[in-house]
Protein backbone atom coordinates (compact mmCIF):
# COMPACT_ATOMS: atom_id res chain seq x y z
CA MET A 1 -41.94 19.57 -12.81
CA TRP A 2 -45.37 20.03 -11.24
CA PHE A 3 -44.90 17.44 -8.45
CA GLN A 4 -41.64 19.09 -7.42
CA GLU A 5 -43.40 22.42 -7.07
CA ILE A 6 -46.11 20.82 -4.93
CA ILE A 7 -43.51 19.21 -2.64
CA LYS A 8 -41.67 22.51 -2.36
CA ILE A 9 -44.80 24.47 -1.44
CA ILE A 10 -45.92 21.88 1.14
CA THR A 11 -42.44 21.63 2.68
CA ILE A 12 -41.96 25.39 2.98
CA LYS A 13 -45.44 25.81 4.45
CA CYS A 14 -44.71 23.16 7.08
CA ILE A 15 -41.36 24.56 8.13
CA CYS A 16 -41.15 27.32 10.69
CA GLY A 17 -39.00 28.38 13.60
CA ASP A 18 -35.28 28.87 13.86
CA SER A 19 -33.07 27.18 11.30
CA MET A 20 -29.94 25.15 11.95
CA LYS A 21 -27.09 26.79 10.09
CA ASN A 22 -25.21 23.67 8.99
CA VAL A 23 -26.64 20.19 8.57
CA HIS A 24 -24.19 17.32 8.01
CA ILE A 25 -25.48 14.08 6.52
CA PHE A 26 -22.80 11.59 7.49
CA PRO A 27 -22.82 7.77 7.42
CA SER A 28 -21.66 5.80 10.44
CA THR A 29 -17.96 5.36 9.70
CA THR A 30 -14.64 5.67 11.50
CA PHE A 31 -14.37 9.28 10.22
CA LEU A 32 -17.54 10.40 12.00
CA GLU A 33 -16.67 10.63 15.72
CA PRO A 34 -13.27 12.40 15.22
CA TYR A 35 -14.93 14.90 12.85
CA ILE A 36 -17.75 15.68 15.30
CA GLU A 37 -15.15 16.13 18.03
CA PHE A 38 -13.15 18.44 15.74
CA ILE A 39 -16.24 20.56 15.04
CA SER A 40 -17.10 20.69 18.77
CA LYS A 41 -13.62 21.94 19.70
CA ASN A 42 -13.25 24.49 16.92
CA PHE A 43 -16.75 25.77 16.11
CA ASP A 44 -20.08 26.48 17.74
CA SER A 45 -21.79 23.10 18.09
CA LYS A 46 -25.18 24.82 18.15
CA GLU A 47 -24.67 25.70 14.48
CA HIS A 48 -24.07 22.08 13.41
CA LEU A 49 -26.49 19.17 13.27
CA PHE A 50 -25.30 15.67 12.34
CA LEU A 51 -27.82 13.30 10.78
CA ILE A 52 -26.66 9.68 10.48
CA PRO A 53 -28.87 7.74 8.05
CA GLY A 54 -29.09 3.96 7.92
CA LYS A 55 -26.57 1.44 9.12
CA GLY A 56 -22.84 1.66 8.52
CA ILE A 57 -19.68 0.42 10.19
CA GLU A 58 -20.25 -0.26 13.88
CA VAL A 59 -18.47 2.68 15.51
CA LYS A 60 -18.89 4.28 18.92
CA ILE A 61 -20.58 7.68 18.73
CA THR A 62 -20.65 9.86 21.83
CA PRO A 63 -24.25 10.92 22.59
CA ARG A 64 -24.73 14.61 21.86
CA ASP A 65 -27.73 16.89 21.42
CA ASN A 66 -26.69 17.69 17.85
CA VAL A 67 -26.23 14.09 16.69
CA VAL A 68 -29.29 12.19 15.44
CA GLN A 69 -29.33 8.57 14.29
CA LEU A 70 -31.93 8.17 11.54
CA THR A 71 -33.67 4.84 11.10
CA ARG A 72 -35.72 3.60 8.16
CA ASN A 73 -39.06 4.65 9.59
CA THR A 74 -41.31 7.39 8.24
CA LYS A 75 -40.54 9.77 11.11
CA SER A 76 -36.82 9.74 10.27
CA PHE A 77 -37.59 10.25 6.60
CA TRP A 78 -39.59 13.41 7.27
CA ARG A 79 -37.01 14.60 9.83
CA LEU A 80 -34.37 14.38 7.10
CA ILE A 81 -36.48 16.41 4.66
CA TYR A 82 -37.37 18.91 7.37
CA GLU A 83 -33.78 19.57 8.47
CA MET A 84 -32.44 19.81 4.92
CA ASN A 85 -35.01 22.47 4.08
CA LYS A 86 -34.55 24.41 7.33
CA SER A 87 -30.78 24.65 7.19
CA GLU A 88 -28.68 27.36 5.60
CA LYS A 89 -26.23 24.78 4.27
CA VAL A 90 -26.20 21.02 3.81
CA PHE A 91 -22.98 19.00 3.81
CA LEU A 92 -23.18 15.60 2.16
CA HIS A 93 -20.28 13.52 3.45
CA ASN A 94 -20.01 11.26 0.39
CA LEU A 95 -22.72 10.65 -2.18
CA PHE A 96 -23.40 6.92 -1.93
CA ASN A 97 -26.83 6.99 -0.27
CA VAL A 98 -29.55 6.23 -2.81
CA LYS A 99 -32.29 7.79 -0.66
CA ILE A 100 -30.38 11.08 -0.37
CA VAL A 101 -29.83 11.20 -4.13
CA PHE A 102 -33.54 10.75 -4.83
CA LEU A 103 -34.53 13.29 -2.15
CA LEU A 104 -32.27 15.87 -3.77
CA PHE A 105 -33.47 15.07 -7.27
CA PHE A 106 -37.10 15.64 -6.25
CA GLN A 107 -36.21 18.74 -4.21
CA PRO A 108 -33.87 20.53 -6.65
CA TRP A 109 -34.19 23.84 -4.78
CA LEU A 110 -31.96 22.30 -2.10
CA LEU A 111 -29.05 21.62 -4.42
CA ARG A 112 -27.64 25.16 -4.49
CA LYS A 113 -27.05 25.13 -0.74
CA CYS A 114 -25.66 21.58 -0.72
CA ASN A 115 -21.94 20.83 -0.55
CA TRP A 116 -20.60 17.43 -1.54
CA VAL A 117 -17.60 16.25 0.50
CA VAL A 118 -16.03 13.97 -2.10
CA TRP A 119 -14.67 10.69 -0.75
CA GLY A 120 -13.45 9.20 -4.03
CA GLY A 121 -15.51 6.06 -4.49
CA ASP A 122 -18.67 8.14 -4.76
CA LEU A 123 -17.11 10.05 -7.66
CA TYR A 124 -15.56 7.02 -9.37
CA TYR A 125 -18.90 5.22 -9.38
CA TYR A 126 -19.05 6.72 -12.85
CA LYS A 127 -16.38 4.24 -13.96
CA SER A 128 -16.73 1.37 -11.49
CA ARG A 129 -20.50 0.78 -11.63
CA LYS A 130 -21.81 -2.37 -13.27
CA LYS A 131 -23.30 -1.52 -16.63
CA THR A 132 -26.91 -2.55 -15.94
CA LEU A 133 -30.21 -0.87 -16.72
CA LYS A 134 -30.76 -0.28 -13.00
CA SER A 135 -27.39 1.40 -12.46
CA ALA A 136 -27.81 3.48 -15.63
CA PHE A 137 -31.20 4.67 -14.36
CA TYR A 138 -29.75 5.56 -10.95
CA GLU A 139 -26.80 7.32 -12.58
CA LYS A 140 -29.21 9.66 -14.39
CA PHE A 141 -30.52 10.85 -11.03
CA ARG A 142 -27.02 11.09 -9.55
CA GLY A 143 -25.77 12.93 -12.60
CA TYR A 144 -28.44 15.60 -12.23
CA VAL A 145 -27.63 16.05 -8.54
CA ILE A 146 -23.86 16.32 -9.10
CA LYS A 147 -24.25 18.68 -12.04
CA ASN A 148 -26.33 21.14 -10.02
CA ILE A 149 -24.88 20.80 -6.54
CA GLY A 150 -23.66 24.11 -5.07
CA GLY A 151 -20.20 23.15 -3.83
CA LEU A 152 -17.63 20.37 -4.01
CA ILE A 153 -15.15 19.87 -1.16
CA THR A 154 -11.95 17.93 -1.70
CA HIS A 155 -8.19 18.33 -1.37
CA ILE A 156 -7.72 16.57 -4.71
CA LYS A 157 -8.23 19.24 -7.37
CA GLY A 158 -8.09 16.52 -10.03
CA ASP A 159 -11.24 14.91 -8.57
CA TYR A 160 -13.07 18.22 -8.88
CA GLU A 161 -11.96 18.41 -12.52
CA LEU A 162 -13.23 14.87 -13.10
CA ALA A 163 -16.63 15.80 -11.61
CA LYS A 164 -16.78 18.65 -14.12
CA PHE A 165 -15.69 16.41 -17.00
CA TRP A 166 -17.87 13.38 -16.20
CA TYR A 167 -20.96 15.14 -14.88
CA GLY A 168 -20.73 18.76 -15.97
CA ALA A 169 -20.55 19.86 -12.32
CA LYS A 170 -21.07 23.61 -11.99
CA GLY A 171 -20.57 23.96 -8.22
CA LYS A 172 -17.84 25.95 -6.52
CA TYR A 173 -14.59 24.18 -5.62
CA TYR A 174 -13.44 24.31 -2.00
CA TYR A 175 -10.00 23.02 -1.07
CA CYS A 176 -10.02 21.15 2.23
CA PHE A 177 -8.36 17.95 3.40
CA MET A 178 -11.65 17.22 5.10
CA TYR A 179 -11.04 15.08 8.21
CA PRO A 180 -8.76 14.73 11.25
CA SER A 181 -7.64 11.35 9.86
CA ASN A 182 -5.56 13.32 7.34
CA LEU A 183 -3.80 15.42 9.99
CA TYR A 184 -0.10 15.24 10.71
CA LYS A 185 0.52 12.94 13.67
CA GLU A 186 3.33 13.61 16.11
CA TYR A 187 5.21 10.42 16.92
CA ASN A 188 8.48 9.60 18.65
CA LEU A 189 10.18 7.35 16.12
CA ASP A 190 13.18 6.86 18.41
CA CYS A 191 11.18 4.36 20.43
CA ILE A 192 10.77 2.00 17.45
CA LYS A 193 12.82 -1.16 17.80
CA ASN A 194 13.30 -3.78 15.09
CA GLU A 195 15.58 -6.37 16.62
CA SER A 196 14.69 -8.96 13.98
CA LYS A 197 15.80 -6.55 11.22
CA LYS A 198 12.68 -7.45 9.22
CA ILE A 199 11.64 -5.20 6.36
CA ILE A 200 7.98 -4.44 7.05
CA ILE A 201 5.81 -3.79 3.99
CA LEU A 202 2.23 -2.50 4.28
CA ILE A 203 -0.07 -3.18 1.31
CA GLY A 204 -3.44 -1.45 0.94
CA ASN A 205 -5.85 -0.12 3.55
CA SER A 206 -8.97 -2.31 3.39
CA ALA A 207 -10.60 -5.44 1.99
CA ASN A 208 -11.98 -3.53 -0.98
CA PRO A 209 -11.03 -4.94 -4.41
CA SER A 210 -9.95 -1.42 -5.41
CA ASN A 211 -6.75 -2.06 -3.42
CA ASN A 212 -5.59 -4.49 -6.12
CA HIS A 213 -3.55 -6.50 -3.63
CA LEU A 214 -3.03 -9.51 -5.89
CA GLU A 215 -1.30 -7.45 -8.56
CA ILE A 216 1.22 -6.23 -5.98
CA PHE A 217 1.72 -9.74 -4.60
CA GLU A 218 2.74 -10.90 -8.07
CA LYS A 219 5.16 -8.02 -8.50
CA ILE A 220 6.97 -8.45 -5.20
CA LYS A 221 6.92 -12.24 -4.85
CA LYS A 222 10.47 -12.22 -6.23
CA TYR A 223 11.47 -10.99 -2.75
CA LYS A 224 9.62 -13.70 -0.80
CA GLU A 225 12.87 -15.22 0.47
CA TYR A 226 13.98 -11.92 1.99
CA ASN A 227 13.67 -11.20 5.72
CA LEU A 228 10.38 -9.34 5.45
CA GLU A 229 6.85 -9.14 6.78
CA ILE A 230 3.82 -8.33 4.60
CA ILE A 231 0.99 -6.58 6.46
CA CYS A 232 -2.46 -6.16 4.88
CA PRO A 233 -5.22 -4.29 6.76
CA LEU A 234 -8.40 -6.21 5.85
CA SER A 235 -10.68 -5.44 8.78
CA TYR A 236 -13.60 -4.06 6.79
CA ASP A 237 -15.40 -4.17 3.43
CA ASN A 238 -15.65 -7.18 1.09
CA THR A 239 -15.26 -10.45 3.05
CA GLN A 240 -15.15 -12.63 -0.07
CA TYR A 241 -12.31 -10.55 -1.50
CA ARG A 242 -10.62 -10.51 1.92
CA ASP A 243 -10.52 -14.32 1.98
CA GLN A 244 -9.09 -14.36 -1.53
CA VAL A 245 -6.31 -11.95 -0.52
CA ILE A 246 -5.47 -13.96 2.60
CA SER A 247 -5.37 -17.23 0.67
CA ARG A 248 -3.06 -15.87 -2.02
CA GLY A 249 -0.91 -13.95 0.46
CA LYS A 250 -0.24 -17.05 2.53
CA GLU A 251 0.34 -19.14 -0.58
CA ILE A 252 3.12 -16.80 -1.77
CA PHE A 253 4.65 -15.46 1.44
CA GLY A 254 3.72 -18.14 3.97
CA GLU A 255 4.26 -17.12 7.59
CA LYS A 256 5.65 -13.77 6.43
CA PHE A 257 2.11 -12.70 5.45
CA ARG A 258 0.15 -10.97 8.24
CA PRO A 259 -3.50 -10.08 7.51
CA LEU A 260 -5.25 -7.68 9.91
CA ILE A 261 -8.85 -8.83 10.03
CA VAL A 262 -9.91 -7.25 13.33
CA PHE A 263 -10.44 -3.50 13.64
CA ILE A 264 -7.90 -1.98 16.05
CA PRO A 265 -8.02 1.40 17.86
CA PHE A 266 -6.33 4.28 16.10
CA ASN A 267 -3.44 4.61 18.56
CA GLU A 268 -2.55 0.95 18.04
CA TYR A 269 -2.81 1.39 14.29
CA LEU A 270 -0.50 4.41 14.47
CA ASP A 271 2.01 2.28 16.39
CA LEU A 272 1.80 -0.23 13.57
CA LEU A 273 2.33 2.38 10.85
CA ALA A 274 5.36 3.71 12.72
CA GLN A 275 7.03 0.30 12.33
CA VAL A 276 6.43 0.10 8.57
CA ASP A 277 9.39 0.54 6.24
CA VAL A 278 7.54 0.61 2.91
CA ALA A 279 3.85 1.13 2.10
CA ILE A 280 2.22 0.27 -1.23
CA PHE A 281 -1.18 1.61 -2.30
CA ASN A 282 -2.27 0.29 -5.69
CA HIS A 283 -5.70 1.92 -5.94
CA LYS A 284 -6.74 3.09 -9.38
CA ARG A 285 -8.45 6.11 -7.90
CA GLN A 286 -8.05 8.56 -5.01
CA GLN A 287 -8.18 6.50 -1.85
CA ALA A 288 -6.45 5.91 1.52
CA MET A 289 -5.28 9.52 1.80
CA GLY A 290 -5.33 9.45 5.60
CA ASN A 291 -3.04 6.43 5.65
CA ILE A 292 -0.72 7.92 3.04
CA THR A 293 -0.32 11.35 4.63
CA THR A 294 0.24 9.72 8.04
CA LEU A 295 2.96 7.48 6.61
CA LEU A 296 4.67 10.35 4.80
CA GLY A 297 4.52 12.35 8.03
CA LEU A 298 6.31 9.45 9.70
CA GLY A 299 9.05 9.56 7.06
CA LYS A 300 8.07 6.31 5.35
CA LYS A 301 8.60 5.28 1.74
CA VAL A 302 5.23 5.23 -0.01
CA TYR A 303 4.17 3.91 -3.42
CA VAL A 304 1.02 5.01 -5.29
CA ARG A 305 0.00 4.77 -8.93
CA ASP A 306 1.20 7.56 -11.19
CA ASP A 307 -1.95 7.56 -13.35
CA ILE A 308 -4.44 8.80 -10.74
CA THR A 309 -5.31 12.24 -9.36
CA THR A 310 -3.52 11.45 -6.09
CA TRP A 311 -0.13 11.46 -7.85
CA GLU A 312 -0.62 15.03 -9.04
CA PHE A 313 -1.74 16.04 -5.56
CA PHE A 314 1.55 14.92 -4.04
CA ILE A 315 3.54 16.75 -6.70
CA GLU A 316 1.57 19.95 -6.00
CA HIS A 317 2.24 19.62 -2.26
CA GLY A 318 5.95 18.92 -2.62
CA LEU A 319 5.69 15.34 -1.35
CA LYS A 320 7.83 12.60 -2.84
CA VAL A 321 6.10 9.28 -3.50
CA PHE A 322 7.10 6.34 -5.68
CA ASN A 323 5.32 4.69 -8.58
CA SER A 324 3.45 1.45 -7.86
CA ASN A 325 3.09 0.86 -11.62
CA SER A 326 6.79 -0.06 -11.61
CA ASP A 327 8.48 -3.46 -11.22
CA PHE A 328 9.64 -2.50 -7.68
CA ASP A 329 13.31 -2.93 -8.47
CA ASP A 330 13.93 -0.06 -6.02
CA LEU A 331 11.72 -1.50 -3.28
CA PHE A 332 14.45 -1.73 -0.65
CA GLU A 333 16.38 1.41 -1.56
CA ASP A 334 16.45 3.85 1.35
CA ILE A 335 14.89 7.23 0.54
CA GLY A 336 17.59 9.08 2.45
CA LYS A 337 17.51 11.51 5.35
CA ARG A 338 16.96 14.67 3.26
CA LEU A 339 13.90 13.31 1.42
CA ARG A 340 12.47 11.74 4.55
CA GLU A 341 12.71 14.96 6.54
CA ALA A 342 11.35 17.06 3.65
CA ASN A 343 8.24 14.88 3.44
CA MET A 344 7.77 15.00 7.20
CA GLU A 345 8.09 18.79 7.30
CA ASN A 346 5.70 19.31 4.37
CA VAL A 347 3.05 17.09 5.95
CA LYS A 348 3.48 18.86 9.28
CA ASN A 349 2.96 22.29 7.70
CA LYS A 350 0.24 21.48 5.18
CA PHE A 351 -1.83 19.02 7.20
CA SER A 352 -1.99 20.80 10.54
CA VAL A 353 -5.10 21.16 12.68
CA GLU A 354 -4.83 24.94 12.20
CA LYS A 355 -4.99 24.52 8.42
CA LEU A 356 -7.94 22.15 8.67
CA ARG A 357 -9.79 24.58 10.95
CA ASP A 358 -9.09 27.51 8.61
CA ASP A 359 -10.30 25.54 5.58
CA TRP A 360 -13.58 24.57 7.23
CA GLU A 361 -14.08 28.06 8.65
CA GLN A 362 -13.81 29.51 5.18
CA ILE A 363 -16.34 26.98 3.87
CA PHE A 364 -18.81 27.53 6.71
CA ASN A 365 -18.56 31.32 6.35
CA SER A 366 -18.87 31.41 2.57
CA GLY A 367 -22.10 32.92 1.37
CA ALA A 368 -24.97 30.48 1.29
CA ILE A 369 -26.61 30.24 -2.13
CA LEU A 370 -30.32 30.22 -1.41
C-alpha cells in the first residue's frame, strides 16, 4: 500500500547509527524482572534492549541502561518505531497490545524479523473474544500480523499448530519454555510439617474467569466435610470474578476456603506450593505452566484438562498429570513414590537453567530474516 511505502522510506531515512541486536517489547508483569536478570547473567546485556509499553501489573523493575519504560506520549511512540526498525530482531512477549499490532500492520517489513513469544491468552483470543464488529475489525489486523510474523516461540507445540490452523501462520517454530518461572526449583521437602493432617488443595492461579473455579467447586464439594483446606490464588486480574469465587468458595467450604488476594513474594509462594497435596488447573487453554511445572517438580499431584494442548505437552515430556474433566473420585489417592520421583526427575532435567539458556541462545543466534 502506498502509505506503507512512504512510512518505510521516511523511517529508514531517519534511522542511522549502530543497531541494537535484540529488542524485547515486554509488558510490566511478574515475568519481566526475572527474565531481564536471566538475560543479564547469561548473555551480553548490550545486545538486548527492553521496551516496556503502557501500564501493567505494578512490579519492581531494577533500573538498567537497557530498560526503557514507554509512556503514552509522542516521544515514546516514535522511540518504539525507531528501535523496532533499528534492531536485527524484535521479540514480542505476548501479542495483546493493540498499538503494537497496528504498528506492525502498517510496517509489514518488520514482521519477518519479529518473533512472537506466545503466552496463551494472546493466541486464544481467536476463540475467547466477544463477537462484536470492533473485535472482528481488530482481529483482521491481528490475523495479518500473526500470519506473516517471522517466528513463534513456545514450549507447547500444539499452540504453534493452532496458530497455523487459525491464522495460517507461516513463521518458524522455536521450542523454548520461555521464562525462569518455568524452571525447576530446588526445595527441601523434608522441612514441611503438617501437624493438622489437612489435605491442602490448590485451585487455579489467578482471578481470571479462564480458571473455571466454580466448576471445580461443584465437583469437589462432596468432600467438604473432609479435613481439608482449599487455597485459591486470586491476587490479580478480574476483581468482579474474584469476589464471585470468594463468595461461592466460602458458601460451600466455609472456613476451609482460603483465598489469596494479596500478591506475595515468590519465595513465600514457593513455600506455599511446597505444602500443597493436590493442585487443580481447569483452564480450557494453555495457562499456568510455571505453577504446574513447579508443582510437578515438587512431586505434587496435578490435575489439568485432557482436551487442551497442555495435556499433550505433558505426555511428550514424560510427565504424569491427572484429568480435571473427571469426577475426582481419585482425588485423595496417593500418586506413589515411583511416579512422584519420576515427575521430579523429568522436570529437573527438562526445565533446567542450562536448557533455558541453550534454547534462547539458539533463538538469538538463528539467522535474522531481513
